[in-house]
């Protein structure tokens, strides 16, 4: 029996500060994640291993520039 999960390397931890969904409130200066999670996702997030966020999306401001060149 071969299990693909056994052979997978663990994903590296994510850096929230480099994520598209990480934002700073201009009024309070509070930094927060702006992903809207449903109840099940929130429970999983709060009780699970948070070293790798399933919603992480790299904020790459130069991506558009590279496409233009």
C-alpha atoms as a PDB file:
ATOM      1  CA  UNK A   1       0.000   0.000   0.000  1.00  0.00           C
ATOM      2  CA  UNK A   2       1.543   3.307  -1.082  1.00  0.00           C
ATOM      3  CA  UNK A   3       0.415   6.473   0.558  1.00  0.00           C
ATOM      4  CA  UNK A   4       1.298   9.758  -1.156  1.00  0.00           C
ATOM      5  CA  UNK A   5       1.142  11.632   2.141  1.00  0.00           C
ATOM      6  CA  UNK A   6       3.946   9.528   3.600  1.00  0.00           C
ATOM      7  CA  UNK A   7       6.351  10.575   0.855  1.00  0.00           C
ATOM      8  CA  UNK A   8       5.496  14.277   0.903  1.00  0.00           C
ATOM      9  CA  UNK A   9       7.970  16.679   2.464  1.00  0.00           C
ATOM     10  CA  UNK A  10       6.421  19.103   4.960  1.00  0.00           C
ATOM     11  CA  UNK A  11       5.725  22.522   3.538  1.00  0.00           C
ATOM     12  CA  UNK A  12       7.800  25.411   4.881  1.00  0.00           C
ATOM     13  CA  UNK A  13       6.152  27.767   7.354  1.00  0.00           C
ATOM     14  CA  UNK A  14       4.398  30.774   5.887  1.00  0.00           C
ATOM     15  CA  UNK A  15       5.254  34.369   6.620  1.00  0.00           C
ATOM     16  CA  UNK A  16       2.011  36.253   7.216  1.00  0.00           C
ATOM     17  CA  UNK A  17       3.678  39.591   6.533  1.00  0.00           C
ATOM     18  CA  UNK A  18       4.295  38.491   2.928  1.00  0.00           C
ATOM     19  CA  UNK A  19       0.700  37.359   2.377  1.00  0.00           C
ATOM     20  CA  UNK A  20      -1.902  39.152   0.248  1.00  0.00           C
ATOM     21  CA  UNK A  21      -4.425  38.798   3.082  1.00  0.00           C
ATOM     22  CA  UNK A  22      -2.235  40.461   5.740  1.00  0.00           C
ATOM     23  CA  UNK A  23      -3.317  44.062   6.289  1.00  0.00           C
ATOM     24  CA  UNK A  24      -2.800  46.936   8.715  1.00  0.00           C
ATOM     25  CA  UNK A  25      -5.736  48.939  10.083  1.00  0.00           C
ATOM     26  CA  UNK A  26      -4.928  52.595   9.339  1.00  0.00           C
ATOM     27  CA  UNK A  27      -6.822  53.895  12.391  1.00  0.00           C
ATOM     28  CA  UNK A  28      -5.472  51.549  15.074  1.00  0.00           C
ATOM     29  CA  UNK A  29      -2.242  50.327  13.459  1.00  0.00           C
ATOM     30  CA  UNK A  30      -3.313  46.755  14.247  1.00  0.00           C
ATOM     31  CA  UNK A  31      -1.999  44.102  11.867  1.00  0.00           C
ATOM     32  CA  UNK A  32      -4.390  41.285  10.988  1.00  0.00           C
ATOM     33  CA  UNK A  33      -5.303  38.548   8.559  1.00  0.00           C
ATOM     34  CA  UNK A  34      -8.291  39.533   6.421  1.00  0.00           C
ATOM     35  CA  UNK A  35      -9.250  36.046   5.183  1.00  0.00           C
ATOM     36  CA  UNK A  36     -12.908  35.296   5.850  1.00  0.00           C
ATOM     37  CA  UNK A  37     -13.043  31.855   7.452  1.00  0.00           C
ATOM     38  CA  UNK A  38     -16.206  29.873   7.980  1.00  0.00           C
ATOM     39  CA  UNK A  39     -16.848  28.288  11.383  1.00  0.00           C
ATOM     40  CA  UNK A  40     -15.177  24.965  10.540  1.00  0.00           C
ATOM     41  CA  UNK A  41     -12.088  26.653   9.074  1.00  0.00           C
ATOM     42  CA  UNK A  42     -11.776  28.899  12.134  1.00  0.00           C
ATOM     43  CA  UNK A  43     -11.939  25.923  14.513  1.00  0.00           C
ATOM     44  CA  UNK A  44      -9.326  24.111  12.444  1.00  0.00           C
ATOM     45  CA  UNK A  45      -7.118  27.211  12.432  1.00  0.00           C
ATOM     46  CA  UNK A  46      -7.449  27.790  16.171  1.00  0.00           C
ATOM     47  CA  UNK A  47      -6.819  24.160  17.184  1.00  0.00           C
ATOM     48  CA  UNK A  48      -4.438  22.949  14.497  1.00  0.00           C
ATOM     49  CA  UNK A  49      -0.838  23.399  13.500  1.00  0.00           C
ATOM     50  CA  UNK A  50      -0.630  26.941  12.168  1.00  0.00           C
ATOM     51  CA  UNK A  51       2.880  26.670  10.753  1.00  0.00           C
ATOM     52  CA  UNK A  52       1.476  26.404   7.224  1.00  0.00           C
ATOM     53  CA  UNK A  53      -1.584  28.490   6.385  1.00  0.00           C
ATOM     54  CA  UNK A  54      -3.795  26.938   3.686  1.00  0.00           C
ATOM     55  CA  UNK A  55      -4.859  30.444   2.567  1.00  0.00           C
ATOM     56  CA  UNK A  56      -1.345  31.878   2.139  1.00  0.00           C
ATOM     57  CA  UNK A  57      -0.928  33.696  -1.166  1.00  0.00           C
ATOM     58  CA  UNK A  58       2.348  35.504  -1.765  1.00  0.00           C
ATOM     59  CA  UNK A  59       1.942  39.245  -2.251  1.00  0.00           C
ATOM     60  CA  UNK A  60       4.269  39.866  -5.166  1.00  0.00           C
ATOM     61  CA  UNK A  61       3.977  43.481  -6.266  1.00  0.00           C
ATOM     62  CA  UNK A  62       6.488  42.917  -9.064  1.00  0.00           C
ATOM     63  CA  UNK A  63       4.505  40.085 -10.700  1.00  0.00           C
ATOM     64  CA  UNK A  64       2.634  42.478 -13.021  1.00  0.00           C
ATOM     65  CA  UNK A  65       5.853  44.255 -13.985  1.00  0.00           C
ATOM     66  CA  UNK A  66       7.511  40.967 -14.952  1.00  0.00           C
ATOM     67  CA  UNK A  67       4.563  40.146 -17.212  1.00  0.00           C
ATOM     68  CA  UNK A  68       4.842  43.508 -18.978  1.00  0.00           C
ATOM     69  CA  UNK A  69       8.530  42.992 -19.816  1.00  0.00           C
END
